[in-house]
Amino acid sequence: IAGGGHFSGRLTAPLCFAGSVCMQILKLKGIDIKAHIAAIGGIEDEKFDPVSITDENIAGKEFPVINDAAGDKMKAEIEKARLDADSVGGIIECAVTGVKAGFGEPMFEGIENRLAAAVFGIPAVKGIEFGRGFSSALLRGSENNDEFIVSDGAVRTETNNHGGILGGITSGMPIVFRVAIKPTPSIGKPQRSVNLETMEEEELLIKGRHDPCIVPRAVPAVEAVTAVTMLDIVL
């Protein structure tokens, strides 16, 4: 495919607008969505408590992280990549609270299915995991299973390895997932490519302004697609 305009992050602007409206409607229903930068260039932020997600004071931050010290290290890593005419990727963690048990379907219209399909509409997304995700593959069933308990007269799980979704259906626990964002492909380093007219290999040198890391700007996009999807499901 020649040209990458249809993969541009600019296309997420109307999505973010729609998502902001949906988040306001969801708040009226007691449902809250928040996301933060979980990692950039191998530097990790603190993670959400999957059982009890409280106000981590990330709302309104220009650089949305829980731990500002980790955020400063991430910024330094981004600047290092910029000075090297390169780029870095990262991971975004998102949580949805206040969703009651019973939403979703066990097969093709499960909550994971719906959210994953929407999230992959964001340019540069290369992966998504729910709950313990890929790390659960390293555990035994006895370690990964979430035991049910009664708390304040309500049934919930003591842990939340399942990320709030069991068999495609919400369990009433917080929905927690992480999204992998690849490094920006438009970098200042010379790269090998092919001239489609001559079918000969040529050196490609991309000019212009290109962000060395799009992860911070992808955070509201993840929140937006989550809000649009969850409101559609709830309604």
Protein backbone atom coordinates (compact mmCIF):
# COMPACT_ATOMS: atom_id res chain seq x y z
CA ILE A 1 0.00 0.00 0.00
CA ALA A 2 1.49 3.35 -1.02
CA GLY A 3 0.91 6.13 1.46
CA GLY A 4 -0.15 5.87 5.08
CA GLY A 5 -2.70 8.66 5.47
CA HIS A 6 -5.49 6.27 6.39
CA PHE A 7 -3.30 4.95 9.22
CA SER A 8 -2.75 8.43 10.62
CA GLY A 9 -3.52 9.16 14.24
CA ARG A 10 -5.44 12.20 13.01
CA LEU A 11 -8.29 9.85 12.18
CA THR A 12 -8.77 9.20 15.91
CA ALA A 13 -9.82 12.82 16.54
CA PRO A 14 -13.53 12.28 15.75
CA LEU A 15 -13.36 9.00 17.65
CA CYS A 16 -12.08 10.81 20.74
CA PHE A 17 -14.90 13.34 20.44
CA ALA A 18 -17.51 10.56 20.28
CA GLY A 19 -15.79 8.76 23.13
CA SER A 20 -15.91 11.82 25.39
CA VAL A 21 -19.67 12.04 24.90
CA CYS A 22 -20.08 8.32 25.60
CA MET A 23 -17.97 8.59 28.77
CA GLN A 24 -20.28 11.29 30.11
CA ILE A 25 -23.32 9.08 29.50
CA LEU A 26 -21.58 6.09 31.09
CA LYS A 27 -20.74 8.15 34.19
CA LEU A 28 -24.46 8.77 34.68
CA LYS A 29 -24.80 4.98 34.80
CA GLY A 30 -22.00 4.66 37.35
CA ILE A 31 -19.47 3.37 34.83
CA ASP A 32 -15.99 4.92 34.73
CA ILE A 33 -13.15 4.45 32.25
CA LYS A 34 -9.54 5.38 32.81
CA ALA A 35 -6.23 4.53 31.14
CA HIS A 36 -2.56 5.25 31.70
CA ILE A 37 0.82 4.55 30.13
CA ALA A 38 1.87 1.18 31.53
CA ALA A 39 5.27 1.11 29.82
CA ILE A 40 7.45 2.88 27.27
CA GLY A 41 10.72 1.52 26.00
CA GLY A 42 10.87 -1.09 28.76
CA ILE A 43 10.28 1.44 31.56
CA GLU A 44 7.17 0.47 33.53
CA ASP A 45 4.62 2.50 35.46
CA GLU A 46 2.70 1.14 38.44
CA LYS A 47 -0.25 -1.07 37.50
CA PHE A 48 -3.89 -0.67 38.42
CA ASP A 49 -5.03 -2.76 41.37
CA PRO A 50 -7.27 -5.13 39.37
CA VAL A 51 -9.56 -5.80 42.33
CA SER A 52 -10.11 -2.28 43.64
CA ILE A 53 -9.34 0.47 41.16
CA THR A 54 -9.38 3.84 42.92
CA ASP A 55 -8.58 7.38 41.80
CA GLU A 56 -4.92 7.18 40.82
CA ASN A 57 -4.87 10.91 40.04
CA ILE A 58 -4.09 10.49 36.34
CA ALA A 59 -7.04 12.47 35.03
CA GLY A 60 -5.95 15.65 33.30
CA LYS A 61 -2.26 14.78 33.27
CA GLU A 62 -0.44 15.77 30.08
CA PHE A 63 1.69 12.64 30.52
CA PRO A 64 -0.79 10.11 32.00
CA VAL A 65 1.11 7.88 34.41
CA ILE A 66 0.43 6.83 37.99
CA ASN A 67 4.04 7.24 39.12
CA ASP A 68 5.46 10.57 37.94
CA ALA A 69 9.03 9.41 38.58
CA ALA A 70 8.52 6.56 36.13
CA GLY A 71 6.98 9.07 33.75
CA ASP A 72 10.12 11.22 33.85
CA LYS A 73 12.22 8.18 32.91
CA MET A 74 9.87 7.42 30.03
CA LYS A 75 10.19 11.00 28.76
CA ALA A 76 13.98 10.66 28.87
CA GLU A 77 13.77 7.43 26.88
CA ILE A 78 11.58 9.13 24.27
CA GLU A 79 14.03 12.02 23.98
CA LYS A 80 16.90 9.57 23.63
CA ALA A 81 15.11 7.91 20.72
CA ARG A 82 14.34 11.29 19.13
CA LEU A 83 17.98 12.36 19.24
CA ASP A 84 18.88 9.07 17.59
CA ALA A 85 16.32 9.69 14.80
CA ASP A 86 14.43 6.64 16.03
CA SER A 87 11.23 5.77 17.91
CA VAL A 88 9.91 3.70 20.81
CA GLY A 89 6.64 1.89 21.50
CA GLY A 90 4.85 1.02 24.69
CA ILE A 91 1.86 -0.40 26.52
CA ILE A 92 -1.37 1.25 27.66
CA GLU A 93 -3.44 -0.16 30.54
CA CYS A 94 -7.18 0.56 30.61
CA ALA A 95 -9.80 -0.18 33.25
CA VAL A 96 -13.60 -0.04 33.27
CA THR A 97 -15.36 0.03 36.62
CA GLY A 98 -19.03 -0.05 37.57
CA VAL A 99 -20.14 -2.60 34.95
CA LYS A 100 -22.61 -5.11 36.39
CA ALA A 101 -22.32 -8.85 35.81
CA GLY A 102 -24.11 -10.42 32.86
CA PHE A 103 -23.26 -8.26 29.86
CA GLY A 104 -21.87 -9.97 26.78
CA GLU A 105 -22.20 -13.32 25.06
CA PRO A 106 -20.22 -16.56 25.31
CA MET A 107 -19.11 -16.78 21.68
CA PHE A 108 -18.59 -14.22 18.92
CA GLU A 109 -20.15 -11.22 20.66
CA GLY A 110 -18.22 -11.56 23.93
CA ILE A 111 -16.89 -8.48 25.70
CA GLU A 112 -13.30 -9.34 24.76
CA ASN A 113 -14.34 -9.80 21.12
CA ARG A 114 -16.11 -6.46 20.96
CA LEU A 115 -13.40 -4.48 22.76
CA ALA A 116 -10.57 -6.08 20.80
CA ALA A 117 -12.25 -5.33 17.47
CA ALA A 118 -12.68 -1.68 18.43
CA VAL A 119 -9.21 -1.26 19.92
CA PHE A 120 -7.56 -2.65 16.80
CA GLY A 121 -9.19 0.21 14.91
CA ILE A 122 -6.60 2.50 16.52
CA PRO A 123 -3.49 2.89 14.32
CA ALA A 124 -0.29 1.25 15.67
CA VAL A 125 -2.07 -1.25 17.97
CA LYS A 126 -0.39 -4.65 17.69
CA GLY A 127 -1.78 -6.60 20.62
CA ILE A 128 -4.26 -6.73 23.49
CA GLU A 129 -4.54 -8.85 26.63
CA PHE A 130 -7.22 -9.07 29.31
CA GLY A 131 -6.54 -9.66 32.99
CA ARG A 132 -3.35 -11.67 33.47
CA GLY A 133 -3.29 -12.16 29.71
CA PHE A 134 -0.27 -13.99 28.33
CA SER A 135 1.29 -14.42 31.77
CA SER A 136 -1.65 -16.66 32.73
CA ALA A 137 -0.31 -19.21 30.24
CA LEU A 138 2.60 -19.76 32.62
CA LEU A 139 0.36 -20.55 35.60
CA ARG A 140 -1.53 -23.60 36.79
CA GLY A 141 -5.31 -23.52 36.96
CA SER A 142 -5.13 -23.40 40.74
CA GLU A 143 -3.00 -20.26 40.49
CA ASN A 144 -4.99 -18.51 37.76
CA ASN A 145 -8.55 -19.30 38.90
CA ASP A 146 -10.34 -16.52 40.77
CA GLU A 147 -12.21 -17.82 43.82
CA PHE A 148 -15.68 -16.42 44.51
CA ILE A 149 -16.46 -14.78 47.85
CA VAL A 150 -19.25 -12.74 49.44
CA SER A 151 -18.28 -9.16 50.25
CA ASP A 152 -20.75 -6.61 51.67
CA GLY A 153 -23.62 -8.86 50.66
CA ALA A 154 -22.45 -9.16 47.04
CA VAL A 155 -20.74 -11.97 45.17
CA ARG A 156 -17.33 -11.12 43.71
CA THR A 157 -13.96 -12.75 43.15
CA GLU A 158 -11.11 -12.41 45.62
CA THR A 159 -8.64 -11.83 42.80
CA ASN A 160 -9.18 -10.62 39.25
CA ASN A 161 -6.90 -12.61 36.98
CA HIS A 162 -9.80 -12.89 34.51
CA GLY A 163 -9.88 -9.11 34.04
CA GLY A 164 -13.60 -8.79 34.74
CA ILE A 165 -14.66 -11.09 31.90
CA LEU A 166 -15.49 -14.79 32.16
CA GLY A 167 -16.54 -16.69 29.05
CA GLY A 168 -17.12 -13.43 27.21
CA ILE A 169 -19.49 -12.15 29.90
CA THR A 170 -18.84 -9.48 32.53
CA SER A 171 -18.37 -10.80 36.06
CA GLY A 172 -18.97 -7.52 37.89
CA MET A 173 -15.27 -7.10 38.63
CA PRO A 174 -13.30 -4.27 36.99
CA ILE A 175 -12.59 -4.87 33.31
CA VAL A 176 -8.81 -4.54 32.91
CA PHE A 177 -6.85 -4.88 29.70
CA ARG A 178 -3.54 -3.76 28.18
CA VAL A 179 -2.80 -2.62 24.65
CA ALA A 180 0.54 -2.86 22.84
CA ILE A 181 1.50 0.14 20.68
CA LYS A 182 4.30 -0.37 18.16
CA PRO A 183 7.14 2.14 17.65
CA THR A 184 6.32 4.89 15.17
CA PRO A 185 7.41 3.52 11.75
CA SER A 186 8.19 7.00 10.37
CA ILE A 187 11.75 7.50 11.62
CA GLY A 188 14.66 9.65 10.48
CA LYS A 189 17.08 6.78 9.89
CA PRO A 190 17.73 5.62 6.31
CA GLN A 191 15.86 2.40 5.56
CA ARG A 192 15.76 -0.06 2.69
CA SER A 193 12.65 -0.04 0.53
CA VAL A 194 11.49 -0.85 -3.01
CA ASN A 195 10.51 1.53 -5.81
CA LEU A 196 7.21 0.06 -7.04
CA GLU A 197 7.64 1.65 -10.49
CA THR A 198 11.12 0.30 -11.20
CA MET A 199 10.93 -2.71 -8.85
CA GLU A 200 14.40 -1.82 -7.64
CA GLU A 201 15.65 -1.49 -4.08
CA GLU A 202 16.20 2.07 -2.94
CA GLU A 203 17.12 3.90 0.23
CA LEU A 204 14.14 5.54 1.93
CA LEU A 205 14.67 8.64 4.02
CA ILE A 206 11.48 10.05 5.54
CA LYS A 207 11.42 13.81 6.04
CA GLY A 208 9.16 16.07 8.06
CA ARG A 209 7.95 16.01 11.66
CA HIS A 210 7.22 12.58 13.14
CA ASP A 211 6.72 11.80 16.82
CA PRO A 212 9.33 9.47 18.34
CA CYS A 213 6.55 7.96 20.49
CA ILE A 214 2.79 8.06 20.00
CA VAL A 215 1.90 6.14 23.17
CA PRO A 216 0.93 9.22 25.27
CA ARG A 217 -1.46 10.43 22.55
CA ALA A 218 -2.93 6.95 22.14
CA VAL A 219 -4.18 6.88 25.75
CA PRO A 220 -7.31 9.00 25.12
CA ALA A 221 -7.92 7.02 21.92
CA VAL A 222 -8.01 3.77 23.92
CA GLU A 223 -10.37 5.36 26.45
CA ALA A 224 -12.58 6.60 23.61
CA VAL A 225 -12.99 3.30 21.76
CA THR A 226 -13.64 1.60 25.09
CA ALA A 227 -16.35 4.12 25.95
CA VAL A 228 -18.07 3.83 22.56
CA THR A 229 -18.01 0.03 22.75
CA MET A 230 -19.12 -0.24 26.37
CA LEU A 231 -22.00 2.20 25.92
CA ASP A 232 -23.21 0.21 22.92
CA ILE A 233 -23.04 -2.98 24.99
CA VAL A 234 -24.79 -1.47 28.02
CA LEU A 235 -27.56 0.01 25.89
